[in-house]
Amino acid sequence: MKHAILLPGLLAATFPALATAPQVDPVVAQAAPFIDRANSEWGTAVVSGDPDALSAPYAEDGIFIGPDGKVTVGKAAIRAMYAARPKSARILEASARSDGRVAADADDVYEWGSASATVKTDAGVTKKSLGRFLTVWHRQASVWLITRNIAF
């Protein structure tokens, strides 16, 4: 019985990192609700093709860089990009997953992750696509908005 009581104390003294829970960066914690909301709404917006919802999390001067390297600057241009998306394929489902976040400073959070979509072409072929992303979220007043988004 002595060993059962001494072991936790001995472990904590020997390995202090095991005795404390990982700390969440307060800047990342402040940005998290905005990032989580945008990621959860992205799939629905992509499936519906809603350009307003797809561009909503962007700052007015936000930048989107597509997998092809094309750069779109400004929220209005990003909205137009989404509105002009070809309708030749129907997106059946889509989701975004955040794999990590780190605060760059008090007003910027870098997020990286992946997004997937299941697409059905006009020819009836269904295929799944997967891509990665790197996003910079910036605090503007009391909200967090995308200032840079790179889709790979």
C-alpha atoms as a PDB file:
ATOM      1  CA  MET A   1       0.000   0.000   0.000  1.00  0.00           C
ATOM      2  CA  LYS A   2       2.929   2.366   0.671  1.00  0.00           C
ATOM      3  CA  HIS A   3       4.029   1.998  -2.930  1.00  0.00           C
ATOM      4  CA  ALA A   4       0.627   3.048  -4.241  1.00  0.00           C
ATOM      5  CA  ILE A   5       0.793   6.274  -2.239  1.00  0.00           C
ATOM      6  CA  LEU A   6       4.436   7.090  -2.991  1.00  0.00           C
ATOM      7  CA  LEU A   7       4.415   6.343  -6.715  1.00  0.00           C
ATOM      8  CA  PRO A   8       2.368   9.387  -7.884  1.00  0.00           C
ATOM      9  CA  GLY A   9       4.526  11.749  -5.789  1.00  0.00           C
ATOM     10  CA  LEU A  10       7.722  10.140  -7.017  1.00  0.00           C
ATOM     11  CA  LEU A  11       6.599  10.390 -10.650  1.00  0.00           C
ATOM     12  CA  ALA A  12       5.625  14.057 -10.263  1.00  0.00           C
ATOM     13  CA  ALA A  13       8.953  14.891  -8.625  1.00  0.00           C
ATOM     14  CA  THR A  14      10.952  12.989 -11.239  1.00  0.00           C
ATOM     15  CA  PHE A  15       8.931  14.098 -14.287  1.00  0.00           C
ATOM     16  CA  PRO A  16       7.323  17.484 -13.492  1.00  0.00           C
ATOM     17  CA  ALA A  17       5.836  17.710 -16.982  1.00  0.00           C
ATOM     18  CA  LEU A  18       3.647  14.708 -16.182  1.00  0.00           C
ATOM     19  CA  ALA A  19       2.188  16.460 -13.143  1.00  0.00           C
ATOM     20  CA  THR A  20       0.795  19.442 -15.068  1.00  0.00           C
ATOM     21  CA  ALA A  21      -1.792  19.509 -17.784  1.00  0.00           C
ATOM     22  CA  PRO A  22      -0.741  21.095 -21.076  1.00  0.00           C
ATOM     23  CA  GLN A  23      -1.510  24.811 -21.097  1.00  0.00           C
ATOM     24  CA  VAL A  24      -3.589  26.267 -23.906  1.00  0.00           C
ATOM     25  CA  ASP A  25      -2.181  29.520 -25.226  1.00  0.00           C
ATOM     26  CA  PRO A  26      -4.662  32.296 -24.264  1.00  0.00           C
ATOM     27  CA  VAL A  27      -4.421  33.898 -27.711  1.00  0.00           C
ATOM     28  CA  VAL A  28      -5.264  30.605 -29.413  1.00  0.00           C
ATOM     29  CA  ALA A  29      -8.113  30.100 -26.927  1.00  0.00           C
ATOM     30  CA  GLN A  30      -9.567  33.517 -27.808  1.00  0.00           C
ATOM     31  CA  ALA A  31      -9.426  32.766 -31.536  1.00  0.00           C
ATOM     32  CA  ALA A  32     -10.724  29.185 -31.233  1.00  0.00           C
ATOM     33  CA  PRO A  33     -14.489  29.916 -31.299  1.00  0.00           C
ATOM     34  CA  PHE A  34     -14.123  31.913 -34.530  1.00  0.00           C
ATOM     35  CA  ILE A  35     -11.903  29.276 -36.145  1.00  0.00           C
ATOM     36  CA  ASP A  36     -14.122  26.386 -35.017  1.00  0.00           C
ATOM     37  CA  ARG A  37     -17.247  28.122 -36.303  1.00  0.00           C
ATOM     38  CA  ALA A  38     -15.696  28.899 -39.704  1.00  0.00           C
ATOM     39  CA  ASN A  39     -14.422  25.340 -40.080  1.00  0.00           C
ATOM     40  CA  SER A  40     -17.745  23.789 -39.117  1.00  0.00           C
ATOM     41  CA  GLU A  41     -19.722  26.097 -41.441  1.00  0.00           C
ATOM     42  CA  TRP A  42     -17.316  25.668 -44.366  1.00  0.00           C
ATOM     43  CA  GLY A  43     -18.593  22.210 -45.337  1.00  0.00           C
ATOM     44  CA  THR A  44     -22.236  23.298 -45.498  1.00  0.00           C
ATOM     45  CA  ALA A  45     -21.299  26.452 -47.414  1.00  0.00           C
ATOM     46  CA  VAL A  46     -19.244  24.506 -49.977  1.00  0.00           C
ATOM     47  CA  VAL A  47     -22.040  21.991 -50.532  1.00  0.00           C
ATOM     48  CA  SER A  48     -24.633  24.750 -50.984  1.00  0.00           C
ATOM     49  CA  GLY A  49     -22.244  26.910 -53.014  1.00  0.00           C
ATOM     50  CA  ASP A  50     -23.078  29.957 -50.856  1.00  0.00           C
ATOM     51  CA  PRO A  51     -20.433  32.603 -51.711  1.00  0.00           C
ATOM     52  CA  ASP A  52     -21.531  34.887 -48.851  1.00  0.00           C
ATOM     53  CA  ALA A  53     -21.009  32.153 -46.251  1.00  0.00           C
ATOM     54  CA  LEU A  54     -17.712  31.067 -47.840  1.00  0.00           C
ATOM     55  CA  SER A  55     -16.298  34.595 -47.784  1.00  0.00           C
ATOM     56  CA  ALA A  56     -17.788  35.610 -44.400  1.00  0.00           C
ATOM     57  CA  PRO A  57     -14.736  34.737 -42.243  1.00  0.00           C
ATOM     58  CA  TYR A  58     -12.363  36.809 -44.402  1.00  0.00           C
ATOM     59  CA  ALA A  59     -11.082  40.280 -43.539  1.00  0.00           C
ATOM     60  CA  GLU A  60     -11.826  43.020 -46.080  1.00  0.00           C
ATOM     61  CA  ASP A  61      -8.189  42.828 -47.231  1.00  0.00           C
ATOM     62  CA  GLY A  62      -7.954  39.037 -46.890  1.00  0.00           C
ATOM     63  CA  ILE A  63      -5.965  36.969 -49.360  1.00  0.00           C
ATOM     64  CA  PHE A  64      -6.809  33.502 -50.705  1.00  0.00           C
ATOM     65  CA  ILE A  65      -4.157  31.491 -52.521  1.00  0.00           C
ATOM     66  CA  GLY A  66      -5.571  28.472 -54.322  1.00  0.00           C
ATOM     67  CA  PRO A  67      -3.902  25.107 -54.950  1.00  0.00           C
ATOM     68  CA  ASP A  68      -3.057  26.341 -58.450  1.00  0.00           C
ATOM     69  CA  GLY A  69      -1.175  29.350 -57.012  1.00  0.00           C
ATOM     70  CA  LYS A  70      -3.801  31.872 -58.116  1.00  0.00           C
ATOM     71  CA  VAL A  71      -3.990  34.775 -55.647  1.00  0.00           C
ATOM     72  CA  THR A  72      -7.321  36.433 -54.893  1.00  0.00           C
ATOM     73  CA  VAL A  73      -7.143  39.654 -52.881  1.00  0.00           C
ATOM     74  CA  GLY A  74      -9.997  41.199 -50.898  1.00  0.00           C
ATOM     75  CA  LYS A  75     -13.192  39.833 -49.410  1.00  0.00           C
ATOM     76  CA  ALA A  76     -15.297  41.005 -52.383  1.00  0.00           C
ATOM     77  CA  ALA A  77     -12.957  39.269 -54.838  1.00  0.00           C
ATOM     78  CA  ILE A  78     -12.945  36.098 -52.727  1.00  0.00           C
ATOM     79  CA  ARG A  79     -16.747  36.154 -52.709  1.00  0.00           C
ATOM     80  CA  ALA A  80     -16.758  36.588 -56.513  1.00  0.00           C
ATOM     81  CA  MET A  81     -14.285  33.702 -56.858  1.00  0.00           C
ATOM     82  CA  TYR A  82     -16.616  31.401 -54.950  1.00  0.00           C
ATOM     83  CA  ALA A  83     -19.676  32.659 -56.872  1.00  0.00           C
ATOM     84  CA  ALA A  84     -17.943  31.916 -60.190  1.00  0.00           C
ATOM     85  CA  ARG A  85     -17.073  28.347 -59.224  1.00  0.00           C
ATOM     86  CA  PRO A  86     -18.055  25.971 -62.052  1.00  0.00           C
ATOM     87  CA  LYS A  87     -21.342  24.179 -61.524  1.00  0.00           C
ATOM     88  CA  SER A  88     -20.278  21.165 -63.621  1.00  0.00           C
ATOM     89  CA  ALA A  89     -19.737  19.062 -60.524  1.00  0.00           C
ATOM     90  CA  ARG A  90     -21.954  18.705 -57.475  1.00  0.00           C
ATOM     91  CA  ILE A  91     -20.306  18.640 -54.061  1.00  0.00           C
ATOM     92  CA  LEU A  92     -22.055  15.980 -51.986  1.00  0.00           C
ATOM     93  CA  GLU A  93     -20.212  16.557 -48.703  1.00  0.00           C
ATOM     94  CA  ALA A  94     -17.273  18.550 -47.421  1.00  0.00           C
ATOM     95  CA  SER A  95     -15.481  19.146 -44.141  1.00  0.00           C
ATOM     96  CA  ALA A  96     -12.480  20.999 -42.756  1.00  0.00           C
ATOM     97  CA  ARG A  97     -10.307  19.742 -39.913  1.00  0.00           C
ATOM     98  CA  SER A  98      -7.874  21.843 -37.934  1.00  0.00           C
ATOM     99  CA  ASP A  99      -4.705  19.893 -37.153  1.00  0.00           C
ATOM    100  CA  GLY A 100      -2.913  22.594 -35.202  1.00  0.00           C
ATOM    101  CA  ARG A 101      -2.833  26.216 -34.115  1.00  0.00           C
ATOM    102  CA  VAL A 102      -0.156  28.475 -32.708  1.00  0.00           C
ATOM    103  CA  ALA A 103      -0.141  32.137 -31.695  1.00  0.00           C
ATOM    104  CA  ALA A 104       2.322  34.218 -33.705  1.00  0.00           C
ATOM    105  CA  ASP A 105       1.696  37.211 -31.458  1.00  0.00           C
ATOM    106  CA  ALA A 106      -1.175  38.754 -29.461  1.00  0.00           C
ATOM    107  CA  ASP A 107      -3.296  39.343 -32.581  1.00  0.00           C
ATOM    108  CA  ASP A 108      -2.360  36.540 -35.000  1.00  0.00           C
ATOM    109  CA  VAL A 109      -2.932  32.788 -34.961  1.00  0.00           C
ATOM    110  CA  TYR A 110      -1.588  30.348 -37.529  1.00  0.00           C
ATOM    111  CA  GLU A 111      -3.811  27.347 -38.202  1.00  0.00           C
ATOM    112  CA  TRP A 112      -3.103  24.327 -40.382  1.00  0.00           C
ATOM    113  CA  GLY A 113      -5.239  21.383 -41.320  1.00  0.00           C
ATOM    114  CA  SER A 114      -6.984  19.561 -44.118  1.00  0.00           C
ATOM    115  CA  ALA A 115     -10.236  19.709 -46.000  1.00  0.00           C
ATOM    116  CA  SER A 116     -12.042  16.995 -47.892  1.00  0.00           C
ATOM    117  CA  ALA A 117     -14.923  16.878 -50.314  1.00  0.00           C
ATOM    118  CA  THR A 118     -16.880  14.240 -52.157  1.00  0.00           C
ATOM    119  CA  VAL A 119     -17.747  15.420 -55.664  1.00  0.00           C
ATOM    120  CA  LYS A 120     -20.103  13.974 -58.262  1.00  0.00           C
ATOM    121  CA  THR A 121     -19.369  15.001 -61.845  1.00  0.00           C
ATOM    122  CA  ASP A 122     -21.953  15.519 -64.575  1.00  0.00           C
ATOM    123  CA  ALA A 123     -20.825  12.140 -65.949  1.00  0.00           C
ATOM    124  CA  GLY A 124     -21.953  10.542 -62.677  1.00  0.00           C
ATOM    125  CA  VAL A 125     -18.473   9.789 -61.394  1.00  0.00           C
ATOM    126  CA  THR A 126     -18.060  10.261 -57.651  1.00  0.00           C
ATOM    127  CA  LYS A 127     -14.608  11.051 -56.323  1.00  0.00           C
ATOM    128  CA  LYS A 128     -13.105  12.227 -53.073  1.00  0.00           C
ATOM    129  CA  SER A 129     -10.585  15.028 -52.891  1.00  0.00           C
ATOM    130  CA  LEU A 130      -8.348  16.018 -50.005  1.00  0.00           C
ATOM    131  CA  GLY A 131      -6.283  19.159 -49.579  1.00  0.00           C
ATOM    132  CA  ARG A 132      -4.283  20.877 -46.889  1.00  0.00           C
ATOM    133  CA  PHE A 133      -4.472  24.490 -45.778  1.00  0.00           C
ATOM    134  CA  LEU A 134      -2.540  27.091 -43.827  1.00  0.00           C
ATOM    135  CA  THR A 135      -4.548  30.025 -42.502  1.00  0.00           C
ATOM    136  CA  VAL A 136      -3.581  33.218 -40.703  1.00  0.00           C
ATOM    137  CA  TRP A 137      -6.289  34.521 -38.384  1.00  0.00           C
ATOM    138  CA  HIS A 138      -6.008  38.130 -37.215  1.00  0.00           C
ATOM    139  CA  ARG A 139      -7.844  39.818 -34.362  1.00  0.00           C
ATOM    140  CA  GLN A 140      -9.744  42.905 -35.525  1.00  0.00           C
ATOM    141  CA  ALA A 141     -11.416  44.576 -32.556  1.00  0.00           C
ATOM    142  CA  SER A 142     -13.317  41.719 -30.885  1.00  0.00           C
ATOM    143  CA  VAL A 143     -13.478  39.299 -33.828  1.00  0.00           C
ATOM    144  CA  TRP A 144     -10.970  37.030 -35.559  1.00  0.00           C
ATOM    145  CA  LEU A 145     -10.879  37.057 -39.357  1.00  0.00           C
ATOM    146  CA  ILE A 146      -8.854  35.321 -42.063  1.00  0.00           C
ATOM    147  CA  THR A 147      -6.149  37.559 -43.473  1.00  0.00           C
ATOM    148  CA  ARG A 148      -4.281  34.850 -45.401  1.00  0.00           C
ATOM    149  CA  ASN A 149      -5.482  31.442 -46.531  1.00  0.00           C
ATOM    150  CA  ILE A 150      -3.342  29.078 -48.562  1.00  0.00           C
ATOM    151  CA  ALA A 151      -5.018  25.973 -49.953  1.00  0.00           C
ATOM    152  CA  PHE A 152      -2.664  23.197 -51.075  1.00  0.00           C
END
